[in-house]
N, C-alpha and C. Protein backbone atom coordinates (compact mmCIF):
# COMPACT_ATOMS: atom_id res chain seq x y z
N MET A 1 -60.86 56.77 27.72
CA MET A 1 -60.18 55.92 28.68
C MET A 1 -59.56 54.69 28.03
N GLU A 2 -60.14 54.23 26.94
CA GLU A 2 -59.62 53.00 26.33
C GLU A 2 -58.28 53.23 25.65
N GLU A 3 -58.12 54.41 25.00
CA GLU A 3 -56.91 54.64 24.22
C GLU A 3 -55.65 54.64 25.09
N PRO A 4 -55.62 55.34 26.27
CA PRO A 4 -54.42 55.25 27.11
C PRO A 4 -54.10 53.83 27.55
N GLU A 5 -55.17 53.03 27.86
CA GLU A 5 -54.91 51.65 28.28
C GLU A 5 -54.22 50.86 27.18
N LEU A 6 -54.67 51.08 25.92
CA LEU A 6 -54.03 50.39 24.81
C LEU A 6 -52.58 50.84 24.66
N ARG A 7 -52.33 52.12 24.87
CA ARG A 7 -50.97 52.63 24.74
C ARG A 7 -50.07 52.06 25.83
N VAL A 8 -50.63 51.99 27.05
CA VAL A 8 -49.83 51.39 28.13
C VAL A 8 -49.47 49.95 27.80
N GLY A 9 -50.46 49.21 27.30
CA GLY A 9 -50.19 47.83 26.92
C GLY A 9 -49.14 47.75 25.83
N GLY A 10 -49.23 48.66 24.88
CA GLY A 10 -48.24 48.68 23.80
C GLY A 10 -46.86 48.96 24.32
N TRP A 11 -46.77 49.89 25.27
CA TRP A 11 -45.47 50.18 25.85
C TRP A 11 -44.90 48.98 26.61
N GLU A 12 -45.77 48.26 27.30
CA GLU A 12 -45.31 47.08 28.03
C GLU A 12 -44.76 46.02 27.08
N LYS A 13 -45.45 45.79 25.99
CA LYS A 13 -44.99 44.80 25.02
C LYS A 13 -43.67 45.24 24.39
N GLU A 14 -43.60 46.54 24.04
CA GLU A 14 -42.37 47.04 23.44
C GLU A 14 -41.21 46.92 24.41
N GLY A 15 -41.48 47.22 25.70
CA GLY A 15 -40.43 47.10 26.70
C GLY A 15 -39.96 45.67 26.84
N GLY A 16 -40.88 44.71 26.77
CA GLY A 16 -40.50 43.30 26.85
C GLY A 16 -39.64 42.88 25.69
N ARG A 17 -40.02 43.33 24.48
CA ARG A 17 -39.22 43.00 23.30
C ARG A 17 -37.83 43.62 23.41
N ARG A 18 -37.76 44.85 23.91
CA ARG A 18 -36.47 45.52 24.05
C ARG A 18 -35.58 44.77 25.03
N PHE A 19 -36.18 44.27 26.12
CA PHE A 19 -35.41 43.52 27.11
C PHE A 19 -34.80 42.27 26.49
N PHE A 20 -35.61 41.51 25.74
CA PHE A 20 -35.10 40.27 25.15
C PHE A 20 -34.04 40.56 24.08
N ARG A 21 -34.21 41.64 23.33
CA ARG A 21 -33.18 42.00 22.35
C ARG A 21 -31.86 42.30 23.03
N ARG A 22 -31.95 43.05 24.13
CA ARG A 22 -30.73 43.38 24.87
C ARG A 22 -30.10 42.12 25.48
N PHE A 23 -30.95 41.23 25.97
CA PHE A 23 -30.45 39.99 26.58
C PHE A 23 -29.71 39.15 25.56
N PHE A 24 -30.32 38.95 24.39
CA PHE A 24 -29.67 38.14 23.35
C PHE A 24 -28.44 38.84 22.79
N SER A 25 -28.45 40.17 22.75
CA SER A 25 -27.27 40.92 22.31
C SER A 25 -26.12 40.70 23.29
N LEU A 26 -26.45 40.69 24.59
CA LEU A 26 -25.42 40.45 25.61
C LEU A 26 -24.84 39.05 25.46
N ILE A 27 -25.71 38.06 25.27
CA ILE A 27 -25.23 36.69 25.08
C ILE A 27 -24.32 36.59 23.87
N LEU A 28 -24.72 37.24 22.77
CA LEU A 28 -23.91 37.21 21.55
C LEU A 28 -22.55 37.85 21.79
N ILE A 29 -22.52 38.97 22.52
CA ILE A 29 -21.26 39.64 22.81
C ILE A 29 -20.36 38.74 23.64
N LEU A 30 -20.92 38.06 24.65
CA LEU A 30 -20.13 37.16 25.50
C LEU A 30 -19.56 35.99 24.70
N VAL A 31 -20.37 35.45 23.78
CA VAL A 31 -19.90 34.36 22.92
C VAL A 31 -18.74 34.83 22.05
N LEU A 32 -18.87 36.02 21.47
CA LEU A 32 -17.81 36.55 20.62
C LEU A 32 -16.54 36.82 21.42
N ILE A 33 -16.71 37.32 22.65
CA ILE A 33 -15.54 37.55 23.51
C ILE A 33 -14.85 36.22 23.82
N PHE A 34 -15.66 35.20 24.12
CA PHE A 34 -15.10 33.88 24.42
C PHE A 34 -14.32 33.33 23.23
N LEU A 35 -14.89 33.47 22.03
CA LEU A 35 -14.23 32.96 20.83
C LEU A 35 -12.94 33.73 20.54
N ALA A 36 -12.96 35.03 20.84
CA ALA A 36 -11.81 35.86 20.50
C ALA A 36 -10.67 35.74 21.50
N ILE A 37 -10.99 35.78 22.79
CA ILE A 37 -9.92 35.83 23.79
C ILE A 37 -9.83 34.56 24.64
N GLY A 38 -10.77 33.63 24.44
CA GLY A 38 -10.75 32.40 25.22
C GLY A 38 -9.42 31.66 25.19
N PRO A 39 -8.79 31.49 24.01
CA PRO A 39 -7.53 30.74 23.95
C PRO A 39 -6.42 31.32 24.83
N SER A 40 -6.44 32.63 25.07
CA SER A 40 -5.38 33.23 25.89
C SER A 40 -5.53 32.85 27.36
N PHE A 41 -6.69 32.31 27.76
CA PHE A 41 -6.92 31.91 29.13
C PHE A 41 -6.67 30.42 29.36
N VAL A 42 -6.30 29.69 28.31
CA VAL A 42 -6.06 28.25 28.42
C VAL A 42 -4.56 28.00 28.47
N TYR A 43 -4.12 27.27 29.48
CA TYR A 43 -2.71 26.99 29.66
C TYR A 43 -2.41 25.52 29.33
N TYR A 44 -1.23 25.29 28.74
CA TYR A 44 -0.77 23.91 28.58
C TYR A 44 -0.49 23.34 29.97
N ASN A 45 -0.92 22.12 30.20
CA ASN A 45 -0.66 21.47 31.48
C ASN A 45 -0.37 19.99 31.25
N PRO A 46 0.87 19.66 30.87
CA PRO A 46 1.20 18.26 30.58
C PRO A 46 0.99 17.36 31.80
N ALA A 47 0.42 16.20 31.56
CA ALA A 47 0.29 15.18 32.61
C ALA A 47 1.44 14.20 32.42
N TYR A 48 2.03 13.76 33.51
CA TYR A 48 3.21 12.89 33.40
C TYR A 48 3.29 11.95 34.58
N VAL A 49 4.15 10.94 34.45
CA VAL A 49 4.43 10.01 35.54
C VAL A 49 5.66 10.50 36.28
N PRO A 50 5.58 10.76 37.57
CA PRO A 50 6.76 11.24 38.31
C PRO A 50 7.86 10.18 38.34
N LYS A 51 9.09 10.64 38.41
CA LYS A 51 10.24 9.72 38.36
C LYS A 51 10.27 8.75 39.54
N GLU A 52 9.54 9.10 40.62
CA GLU A 52 9.50 8.21 41.79
C GLU A 52 8.57 7.02 41.59
N SER A 53 7.80 7.02 40.50
CA SER A 53 6.89 5.90 40.24
C SER A 53 7.67 4.59 40.18
N LEU A 54 7.12 3.53 40.70
CA LEU A 54 7.83 2.26 40.93
C LEU A 54 8.64 1.78 39.74
N TYR A 55 7.99 1.63 38.58
CA TYR A 55 8.67 1.02 37.44
C TYR A 55 9.66 1.97 36.76
N LEU A 56 9.49 3.27 36.95
CA LEU A 56 10.51 4.21 36.47
C LEU A 56 11.70 4.21 37.42
N ALA A 57 11.41 4.25 38.72
CA ALA A 57 12.48 4.27 39.72
C ALA A 57 13.33 3.01 39.66
N ASN A 58 12.69 1.87 39.33
CA ASN A 58 13.42 0.59 39.25
C ASN A 58 14.08 0.37 37.90
N GLY A 59 13.89 1.29 36.97
CA GLY A 59 14.54 1.18 35.67
C GLY A 59 13.90 0.19 34.73
N MET A 60 12.66 -0.24 35.00
CA MET A 60 11.97 -1.19 34.13
C MET A 60 11.29 -0.47 32.95
N TRP A 61 10.99 0.81 33.15
CA TRP A 61 10.46 1.67 32.09
C TRP A 61 11.32 2.91 31.99
N ASN A 62 11.35 3.51 30.82
CA ASN A 62 12.11 4.74 30.58
C ASN A 62 11.19 5.88 30.12
N GLY A 63 11.63 7.08 30.30
CA GLY A 63 10.88 8.23 29.81
C GLY A 63 11.03 9.40 30.76
N PRO A 64 10.43 10.51 30.41
CA PRO A 64 9.51 10.73 29.28
C PRO A 64 10.24 11.00 27.96
N PHE A 65 9.56 10.66 26.85
CA PHE A 65 10.08 10.90 25.51
C PHE A 65 9.03 11.64 24.68
N ASP A 66 9.46 12.16 23.56
CA ASP A 66 8.56 12.68 22.50
C ASP A 66 7.53 13.67 23.02
N SER A 67 7.98 14.71 23.70
CA SER A 67 7.05 15.74 24.16
C SER A 67 6.51 16.52 22.96
N GLU A 68 5.18 16.64 22.90
CA GLU A 68 4.54 17.34 21.79
C GLU A 68 3.46 18.29 22.32
N TYR A 69 3.28 19.42 21.62
CA TYR A 69 2.26 20.40 21.98
C TYR A 69 1.50 20.79 20.72
N SER A 70 0.18 20.89 20.84
CA SER A 70 -0.63 21.26 19.68
C SER A 70 -1.92 21.93 20.14
N LYS A 71 -2.64 22.52 19.17
CA LYS A 71 -3.88 23.22 19.47
C LYS A 71 -5.00 22.71 18.56
N GLU A 72 -6.21 22.76 19.08
CA GLU A 72 -7.40 22.45 18.29
C GLU A 72 -8.45 23.52 18.55
N PHE A 73 -9.37 23.67 17.59
CA PHE A 73 -10.46 24.65 17.71
C PHE A 73 -9.91 26.04 18.02
N SER A 74 -8.96 26.47 17.18
CA SER A 74 -8.37 27.82 17.26
C SER A 74 -7.75 28.11 18.62
N GLY A 75 -7.24 27.08 19.25
CA GLY A 75 -6.55 27.27 20.52
C GLY A 75 -7.42 27.11 21.75
N HIS A 76 -8.72 26.85 21.59
CA HIS A 76 -9.58 26.65 22.74
C HIS A 76 -9.27 25.32 23.44
N LEU A 77 -8.68 24.38 22.71
CA LEU A 77 -8.19 23.14 23.29
C LEU A 77 -6.68 23.11 23.09
N LYS A 78 -5.94 22.93 24.16
CA LYS A 78 -4.48 22.84 24.06
C LYS A 78 -4.05 21.46 24.54
N LEU A 79 -3.36 20.75 23.64
CA LEU A 79 -2.98 19.36 23.89
C LEU A 79 -1.49 19.24 24.11
N SER A 80 -1.11 18.42 25.07
CA SER A 80 0.29 18.08 25.29
C SER A 80 0.38 16.57 25.46
N SER A 81 1.47 15.98 25.00
CA SER A 81 1.62 14.53 25.11
C SER A 81 3.07 14.15 25.34
N ILE A 82 3.26 13.09 26.10
CA ILE A 82 4.59 12.51 26.32
C ILE A 82 4.43 11.00 26.33
N SER A 83 5.52 10.28 26.17
CA SER A 83 5.43 8.82 26.14
C SER A 83 6.53 8.18 26.97
N TYR A 84 6.28 6.93 27.35
CA TYR A 84 7.23 6.10 28.10
C TYR A 84 7.31 4.74 27.40
N GLU A 85 8.39 4.02 27.64
CA GLU A 85 8.52 2.70 27.02
C GLU A 85 9.30 1.78 27.94
N THR A 86 9.11 0.48 27.74
CA THR A 86 9.81 -0.51 28.56
C THR A 86 11.30 -0.49 28.24
N ILE A 87 12.09 -0.94 29.21
CA ILE A 87 13.55 -0.88 29.07
C ILE A 87 14.05 -1.72 27.91
N ASP A 88 13.31 -2.81 27.55
CA ASP A 88 13.77 -3.64 26.44
C ASP A 88 13.45 -3.02 25.09
N GLY A 89 12.65 -1.97 25.09
CA GLY A 89 12.39 -1.24 23.85
C GLY A 89 11.47 -1.94 22.87
N GLU A 90 10.76 -2.99 23.31
CA GLU A 90 9.92 -3.70 22.34
C GLU A 90 8.68 -4.37 22.93
N SER A 91 8.46 -4.25 24.23
CA SER A 91 7.31 -4.96 24.80
C SER A 91 6.21 -4.03 25.31
N GLY A 92 6.47 -2.74 25.47
CA GLY A 92 5.41 -1.88 25.97
C GLY A 92 5.66 -0.40 25.76
N LYS A 93 4.57 0.33 25.59
CA LYS A 93 4.60 1.78 25.45
C LYS A 93 3.44 2.37 26.22
N LEU A 94 3.64 3.58 26.75
CA LEU A 94 2.57 4.31 27.41
C LEU A 94 2.61 5.75 26.92
N LYS A 95 1.52 6.20 26.33
CA LYS A 95 1.43 7.59 25.87
C LYS A 95 0.38 8.31 26.70
N ILE A 96 0.74 9.48 27.20
CA ILE A 96 -0.16 10.28 28.03
C ILE A 96 -0.48 11.58 27.31
N ILE A 97 -1.76 11.79 27.04
CA ILE A 97 -2.22 12.98 26.34
C ILE A 97 -3.09 13.79 27.30
N SER A 98 -2.76 15.07 27.44
CA SER A 98 -3.52 15.95 28.32
C SER A 98 -4.17 17.04 27.48
N VAL A 99 -5.47 17.27 27.68
CA VAL A 99 -6.21 18.30 26.94
C VAL A 99 -6.71 19.34 27.93
N SER A 100 -6.27 20.59 27.76
CA SER A 100 -6.69 21.68 28.63
C SER A 100 -7.73 22.54 27.90
N SER A 101 -8.77 22.97 28.61
CA SER A 101 -9.82 23.77 27.99
C SER A 101 -10.59 24.52 29.06
N LEU A 102 -11.41 25.48 28.63
CA LEU A 102 -12.29 26.20 29.55
C LEU A 102 -13.64 25.50 29.68
N MET A 103 -13.82 24.44 28.92
CA MET A 103 -15.07 23.70 28.94
C MET A 103 -14.84 22.32 29.53
N ASN A 104 -15.76 21.86 30.33
CA ASN A 104 -15.69 20.52 30.89
C ASN A 104 -16.01 19.52 29.78
N LEU A 105 -14.98 18.90 29.22
CA LEU A 105 -15.18 17.98 28.10
C LEU A 105 -15.94 16.72 28.51
N GLY A 106 -16.03 16.49 29.82
CA GLY A 106 -16.81 15.35 30.27
C GLY A 106 -18.28 15.50 29.94
N GLN A 107 -18.71 16.73 29.65
CA GLN A 107 -20.10 16.98 29.27
C GLN A 107 -20.29 16.94 27.76
N ALA A 108 -19.20 16.78 27.03
CA ALA A 108 -19.27 16.68 25.57
C ALA A 108 -19.21 15.20 25.18
N ASP A 109 -19.09 14.94 23.89
CA ASP A 109 -19.03 13.56 23.41
C ASP A 109 -17.59 13.05 23.53
N LEU A 110 -17.12 12.97 24.78
CA LEU A 110 -15.72 12.65 25.05
C LEU A 110 -15.36 11.24 24.61
N GLU A 111 -16.23 10.29 24.87
CA GLU A 111 -15.91 8.89 24.56
C GLU A 111 -15.60 8.69 23.08
N LYS A 112 -16.39 9.33 22.22
CA LYS A 112 -16.17 9.20 20.79
C LYS A 112 -14.81 9.76 20.40
N ARG A 113 -14.46 10.90 20.97
CA ARG A 113 -13.16 11.52 20.65
C ARG A 113 -12.01 10.66 21.16
N VAL A 114 -12.18 10.05 22.33
CA VAL A 114 -11.14 9.17 22.88
C VAL A 114 -10.89 8.00 21.94
N ILE A 115 -11.95 7.38 21.45
CA ILE A 115 -11.80 6.24 20.54
C ILE A 115 -11.07 6.68 19.27
N GLU A 116 -11.39 7.87 18.76
CA GLU A 116 -10.72 8.37 17.56
C GLU A 116 -9.22 8.53 17.81
N ILE A 117 -8.87 9.09 18.96
CA ILE A 117 -7.45 9.31 19.28
C ILE A 117 -6.73 7.98 19.43
N VAL A 118 -7.35 7.01 20.11
CA VAL A 118 -6.72 5.69 20.28
C VAL A 118 -6.48 5.04 18.93
N LYS A 119 -7.45 5.13 18.02
CA LYS A 119 -7.29 4.56 16.69
C LYS A 119 -6.14 5.24 15.94
N GLU A 120 -6.03 6.55 16.09
CA GLU A 120 -4.94 7.28 15.44
C GLU A 120 -3.59 6.82 15.97
N GLU A 121 -3.49 6.67 17.28
CA GLU A 121 -2.23 6.22 17.88
C GLU A 121 -1.92 4.78 17.48
N ALA A 122 -2.93 3.95 17.38
CA ALA A 122 -2.73 2.56 16.95
C ALA A 122 -2.21 2.51 15.51
N GLN A 123 -2.77 3.35 14.65
CA GLN A 123 -2.29 3.40 13.26
C GLN A 123 -0.83 3.82 13.20
N THR A 124 -0.45 4.75 14.09
CA THR A 124 0.95 5.18 14.14
C THR A 124 1.86 4.00 14.49
N GLU A 125 1.35 3.08 15.29
CA GLU A 125 2.12 1.89 15.68
C GLU A 125 1.89 0.72 14.73
N ALA A 126 1.25 0.98 13.58
CA ALA A 126 0.96 -0.05 12.57
C ALA A 126 0.09 -1.16 13.12
N LEU A 127 -0.89 -0.78 13.96
CA LEU A 127 -1.78 -1.76 14.56
C LEU A 127 -3.21 -1.56 14.08
N THR A 128 -3.95 -2.65 13.95
CA THR A 128 -5.37 -2.62 13.66
C THR A 128 -6.11 -3.08 14.91
N LEU A 129 -7.10 -2.30 15.36
CA LEU A 129 -7.81 -2.63 16.59
C LEU A 129 -9.03 -3.50 16.33
N SER A 130 -9.32 -4.39 17.28
CA SER A 130 -10.51 -5.24 17.20
C SER A 130 -10.93 -5.63 18.61
N ASN A 131 -12.15 -6.17 18.73
CA ASN A 131 -12.66 -6.69 20.01
C ASN A 131 -12.60 -5.65 21.13
N GLY A 132 -13.10 -4.45 20.87
CA GLY A 132 -13.10 -3.41 21.88
C GLY A 132 -14.12 -3.69 22.99
N VAL A 133 -13.71 -3.46 24.24
CA VAL A 133 -14.60 -3.66 25.39
C VAL A 133 -14.42 -2.52 26.38
N ILE A 134 -15.46 -2.27 27.17
CA ILE A 134 -15.39 -1.30 28.26
C ILE A 134 -15.19 -2.08 29.55
N LEU A 135 -14.18 -1.70 30.32
CA LEU A 135 -13.84 -2.43 31.54
C LEU A 135 -14.17 -1.62 32.78
N LYS A 136 -14.33 -2.32 33.88
CA LYS A 136 -14.50 -1.70 35.19
C LYS A 136 -13.54 -2.35 36.15
N ASP A 137 -12.71 -1.54 36.81
CA ASP A 137 -11.72 -2.07 37.72
C ASP A 137 -11.76 -1.25 39.01
N ASP A 138 -12.38 -1.80 40.04
CA ASP A 138 -12.53 -1.08 41.31
C ASP A 138 -11.24 -1.07 42.12
N THR A 139 -10.23 -1.81 41.68
CA THR A 139 -8.98 -1.88 42.44
C THR A 139 -8.01 -0.78 42.02
N ILE A 140 -8.25 -0.15 40.88
CA ILE A 140 -7.32 0.85 40.39
C ILE A 140 -7.62 2.21 41.01
N ASP A 141 -6.58 2.96 41.33
CA ASP A 141 -6.72 4.24 42.02
C ASP A 141 -6.59 5.38 41.01
N LEU A 142 -7.72 5.81 40.46
CA LEU A 142 -7.75 6.90 39.49
C LEU A 142 -8.78 7.94 39.92
N PRO A 143 -8.73 9.15 39.36
CA PRO A 143 -9.71 10.17 39.71
C PRO A 143 -11.14 9.72 39.45
N ALA A 144 -12.07 10.30 40.19
CA ALA A 144 -13.48 9.93 40.07
C ALA A 144 -13.97 10.11 38.64
N GLY A 145 -14.82 9.19 38.20
CA GLY A 145 -15.39 9.30 36.86
C GLY A 145 -14.52 8.75 35.76
N TYR A 146 -13.44 8.02 36.11
CA TYR A 146 -12.55 7.48 35.08
C TYR A 146 -13.25 6.39 34.28
N SER A 147 -12.72 6.13 33.07
CA SER A 147 -13.20 5.04 32.23
C SER A 147 -12.01 4.26 31.69
N ILE A 148 -12.24 2.99 31.38
CA ILE A 148 -11.19 2.13 30.83
C ILE A 148 -11.75 1.40 29.61
N TYR A 149 -11.06 1.51 28.48
CA TYR A 149 -11.40 0.77 27.27
C TYR A 149 -10.22 -0.12 26.91
N GLN A 150 -10.52 -1.26 26.29
CA GLN A 150 -9.45 -2.17 25.88
C GLN A 150 -9.76 -2.79 24.52
N TRP A 151 -8.69 -2.99 23.72
CA TRP A 151 -8.81 -3.61 22.40
C TRP A 151 -7.69 -4.64 22.23
N ASP A 152 -7.87 -5.50 21.23
CA ASP A 152 -6.77 -6.31 20.72
C ASP A 152 -6.15 -5.55 19.56
N GLY A 153 -4.83 -5.48 19.56
CA GLY A 153 -4.12 -4.83 18.46
C GLY A 153 -3.39 -5.87 17.64
N ASN A 154 -3.63 -5.88 16.34
CA ASN A 154 -3.01 -6.88 15.46
C ASN A 154 -2.19 -6.20 14.38
N SER A 155 -1.05 -6.79 14.06
CA SER A 155 -0.21 -6.24 13.00
C SER A 155 0.61 -7.34 12.36
N LYS A 156 0.71 -7.27 11.05
CA LYS A 156 1.57 -8.19 10.31
C LYS A 156 2.80 -7.47 9.77
N GLU A 157 2.94 -6.21 10.17
CA GLU A 157 4.08 -5.41 9.73
C GLU A 157 5.17 -5.42 10.80
N ILE A 158 6.36 -5.07 10.39
CA ILE A 158 7.45 -4.91 11.35
C ILE A 158 7.26 -3.56 12.03
N ASN A 159 7.10 -3.57 13.36
CA ASN A 159 6.91 -2.33 14.07
C ASN A 159 7.68 -2.34 15.38
N TYR A 160 7.31 -1.43 16.27
CA TYR A 160 8.00 -1.29 17.54
C TYR A 160 7.93 -2.57 18.38
N PHE A 161 6.79 -3.24 18.35
CA PHE A 161 6.54 -4.34 19.26
C PHE A 161 7.05 -5.68 18.71
N SER A 162 7.48 -6.54 19.65
CA SER A 162 7.99 -7.85 19.26
C SER A 162 6.85 -8.87 19.29
N GLY A 163 5.96 -8.78 18.34
CA GLY A 163 4.84 -9.70 18.29
C GLY A 163 3.69 -9.12 17.51
N GLU A 164 2.81 -9.99 17.04
CA GLU A 164 1.69 -9.53 16.24
C GLU A 164 0.47 -9.19 17.08
N ASN A 165 0.31 -9.80 18.24
CA ASN A 165 -0.87 -9.60 19.07
C ASN A 165 -0.53 -8.69 20.25
N ILE A 166 -1.12 -7.54 20.27
CA ILE A 166 -0.84 -6.52 21.28
C ILE A 166 -2.12 -6.17 22.03
N ILE A 167 -1.98 -5.93 23.33
CA ILE A 167 -3.10 -5.42 24.12
C ILE A 167 -3.02 -3.89 24.11
N VAL A 168 -4.14 -3.25 23.82
CA VAL A 168 -4.21 -1.79 23.82
C VAL A 168 -5.26 -1.38 24.86
N LYS A 169 -4.84 -0.59 25.82
CA LYS A 169 -5.73 -0.22 26.91
C LYS A 169 -5.71 1.29 27.11
N ALA A 170 -6.88 1.91 27.21
CA ALA A 170 -6.99 3.36 27.37
C ALA A 170 -7.65 3.68 28.70
N PHE A 171 -7.02 4.56 29.47
CA PHE A 171 -7.56 5.06 30.72
C PHE A 171 -7.79 6.56 30.54
N PHE A 172 -8.96 7.06 30.89
CA PHE A 172 -9.16 8.51 30.75
C PHE A 172 -10.13 9.04 31.79
N TRP A 173 -9.94 10.31 32.11
CA TRP A 173 -10.79 10.99 33.09
C TRP A 173 -10.76 12.49 32.81
N ASN A 174 -11.69 13.18 33.42
CA ASN A 174 -11.81 14.63 33.22
C ASN A 174 -12.02 15.27 34.59
N GLU A 175 -11.30 16.36 34.86
CA GLU A 175 -11.43 17.01 36.15
C GLU A 175 -11.06 18.48 36.06
N LYS A 176 -11.47 19.24 37.06
CA LYS A 176 -11.11 20.66 37.12
C LYS A 176 -9.63 20.79 37.42
N ASP A 177 -8.97 21.66 36.67
CA ASP A 177 -7.53 21.90 36.85
C ASP A 177 -7.36 22.95 37.93
N GLU A 178 -7.28 22.51 39.18
CA GLU A 178 -7.27 23.44 40.31
C GLU A 178 -6.09 24.40 40.26
N LEU A 179 -4.90 23.91 39.94
CA LEU A 179 -3.70 24.74 39.95
C LEU A 179 -3.81 25.89 38.96
N ASN A 180 -4.13 25.57 37.71
CA ASN A 180 -4.21 26.62 36.70
C ASN A 180 -5.45 27.49 36.87
N SER A 181 -6.53 26.95 37.44
CA SER A 181 -7.72 27.75 37.69
C SER A 181 -7.41 28.83 38.72
N ILE A 182 -6.66 28.46 39.78
CA ILE A 182 -6.29 29.44 40.80
C ILE A 182 -5.38 30.50 40.20
N LYS A 183 -4.37 30.06 39.44
CA LYS A 183 -3.46 30.98 38.79
C LYS A 183 -4.20 31.93 37.87
N TYR A 184 -5.10 31.38 37.12
CA TYR A 184 -5.88 32.15 36.17
C TYR A 184 -6.74 33.19 36.87
N ASN A 185 -7.44 32.80 37.94
CA ASN A 185 -8.33 33.72 38.62
C ASN A 185 -7.59 34.76 39.44
N GLU A 186 -6.39 34.47 39.87
CA GLU A 186 -5.60 35.45 40.62
C GLU A 186 -5.10 36.57 39.72
N PHE A 187 -4.67 36.24 38.52
CA PHE A 187 -4.01 37.20 37.67
C PHE A 187 -4.87 37.74 36.54
N ASN A 188 -6.09 37.33 36.48
CA ASN A 188 -6.96 37.84 35.42
C ASN A 188 -8.34 38.12 35.98
N GLN A 189 -8.60 39.36 36.32
CA GLN A 189 -9.87 39.72 36.96
C GLN A 189 -11.06 39.52 36.03
N ILE A 190 -10.85 39.69 34.73
CA ILE A 190 -11.95 39.47 33.78
C ILE A 190 -12.38 38.01 33.82
N GLY A 191 -11.40 37.12 33.79
CA GLY A 191 -11.71 35.70 33.84
C GLY A 191 -12.40 35.32 35.14
N ALA A 192 -11.95 35.92 36.25
CA ALA A 192 -12.59 35.63 37.54
C ALA A 192 -14.03 36.12 37.53
N TRP A 193 -14.24 37.30 36.96
CA TRP A 193 -15.60 37.85 36.91
C TRP A 193 -16.52 36.98 36.06
N LEU A 194 -15.98 36.45 34.95
CA LEU A 194 -16.78 35.60 34.08
C LEU A 194 -16.97 34.20 34.67
N GLY A 195 -16.16 33.87 35.69
CA GLY A 195 -16.32 32.58 36.34
C GLY A 195 -15.83 31.42 35.50
N MET A 196 -14.85 31.65 34.62
CA MET A 196 -14.33 30.58 33.76
C MET A 196 -13.17 29.87 34.45
N ASP A 197 -13.23 28.57 34.52
CA ASP A 197 -12.18 27.75 35.10
C ASP A 197 -11.60 26.85 34.02
N GLN A 198 -10.36 26.42 34.24
CA GLN A 198 -9.74 25.51 33.29
C GLN A 198 -9.98 24.07 33.72
N TYR A 199 -10.26 23.23 32.73
CA TYR A 199 -10.45 21.80 32.96
C TYR A 199 -9.37 21.01 32.24
N GLN A 200 -9.12 19.82 32.72
CA GLN A 200 -8.11 18.96 32.13
C GLN A 200 -8.68 17.56 31.88
N THR A 201 -8.52 17.10 30.67
CA THR A 201 -8.87 15.73 30.33
C THR A 201 -7.58 14.96 30.09
N VAL A 202 -7.41 13.84 30.76
CA VAL A 202 -6.19 13.05 30.65
C VAL A 202 -6.53 11.70 30.01
N LEU A 203 -5.79 11.36 28.96
CA LEU A 203 -5.95 10.08 28.27
C LEU A 203 -4.61 9.35 28.27
N CYS A 204 -4.59 8.17 28.87
CA CYS A 204 -3.38 7.34 28.91
C CYS A 204 -3.61 6.10 28.06
N ILE A 205 -2.77 5.91 27.05
CA ILE A 205 -2.91 4.77 26.13
C ILE A 205 -1.73 3.83 26.33
N ALA A 206 -2.02 2.62 26.76
CA ALA A 206 -0.96 1.63 27.01
C ALA A 206 -0.98 0.56 25.93
N PHE A 207 0.21 0.25 25.41
CA PHE A 207 0.40 -0.84 24.45
C PHE A 207 1.31 -1.87 25.11
N GLY A 208 0.91 -3.14 25.09
CA GLY A 208 1.74 -4.16 25.71
C GLY A 208 1.63 -5.50 25.02
N THR A 209 2.71 -6.25 25.05
CA THR A 209 2.71 -7.57 24.41
C THR A 209 2.09 -8.64 25.30
N ASP A 210 1.87 -8.31 26.58
CA ASP A 210 1.28 -9.29 27.50
C ASP A 210 0.62 -8.56 28.66
N GLY A 211 -0.10 -9.32 29.47
CA GLY A 211 -0.82 -8.75 30.59
C GLY A 211 0.09 -8.14 31.65
N THR A 212 1.27 -8.70 31.83
CA THR A 212 2.20 -8.17 32.83
C THR A 212 2.62 -6.75 32.48
N THR A 213 2.96 -6.54 31.21
CA THR A 213 3.36 -5.21 30.76
C THR A 213 2.22 -4.22 30.90
N ILE A 214 1.01 -4.64 30.56
CA ILE A 214 -0.16 -3.76 30.68
C ILE A 214 -0.43 -3.42 32.14
N ASN A 215 -0.26 -4.38 33.04
CA ASN A 215 -0.45 -4.13 34.47
C ASN A 215 0.57 -3.14 35.00
N GLN A 216 1.81 -3.24 34.52
CA GLN A 216 2.84 -2.27 34.91
C GLN A 216 2.45 -0.87 34.44
N ALA A 217 1.97 -0.77 33.22
CA ALA A 217 1.54 0.52 32.67
C ALA A 217 0.38 1.08 33.49
N ALA A 218 -0.55 0.21 33.91
CA ALA A 218 -1.69 0.64 34.71
C ALA A 218 -1.22 1.22 36.05
N LYS A 219 -0.22 0.61 36.65
CA LYS A 219 0.31 1.13 37.91
C LYS A 219 0.96 2.49 37.71
N MET A 220 1.59 2.69 36.57
CA MET A 220 2.17 4.00 36.26
C MET A 220 1.07 5.03 36.04
N VAL A 221 -0.02 4.61 35.42
CA VAL A 221 -1.15 5.51 35.19
C VAL A 221 -1.71 6.00 36.53
N GLU A 222 -1.72 5.13 37.53
CA GLU A 222 -2.20 5.53 38.86
C GLU A 222 -1.39 6.69 39.43
N ASP A 223 -0.13 6.80 39.01
CA ASP A 223 0.75 7.85 39.53
C ASP A 223 0.75 9.12 38.68
N VAL A 224 -0.01 9.11 37.58
CA VAL A 224 0.00 10.28 36.69
C VAL A 224 -0.41 11.52 37.44
N PHE A 225 0.34 12.58 37.25
CA PHE A 225 0.14 13.84 37.98
C PHE A 225 -0.22 14.95 37.02
């Protein structure tokens, strides 16, 4: 009687090990599928300021200019960017960078990446950043979970701006891209079955020679679509 009981127990343990092997094999297959075909499910989705926005409609700012598209992490992140500038061509700039992905970047180390991007853009404008602060503004109308960072930008070189002391302000948020998620799930049954949605992270970087210019840029950021 003892030997069959031991065999039954052995079969139960073997069955458990087989289940876990199959489970981990399935997870590995799904990861490989995501790495291989994930980029084909990510769409570029540029964020921009509509022409009806106050300072564009009044001719105080111009744009969009310098449309750029790029990929990171083998296409799993697709970036698009456009910029706007003040009519005088020397007191303010606004660059809007949109990152599309199948992963909610708000759950990743987004803040660190935002700071890196702002520093890169500042270097492009021949600016050195200092005195960085995190701001809270309950009067601004932005998507839920937004953040605002601000720095002083200093330069002794001849650059775009008419002055050495520049205000640099970054507004960013992360949200589900409803339009492309619907499009994606309608036309791709595999993606719908896997439950993958597209997310969009929007980063708006404003450069201004004074508070008035930065406030104008902030109002344009409120209209970003």
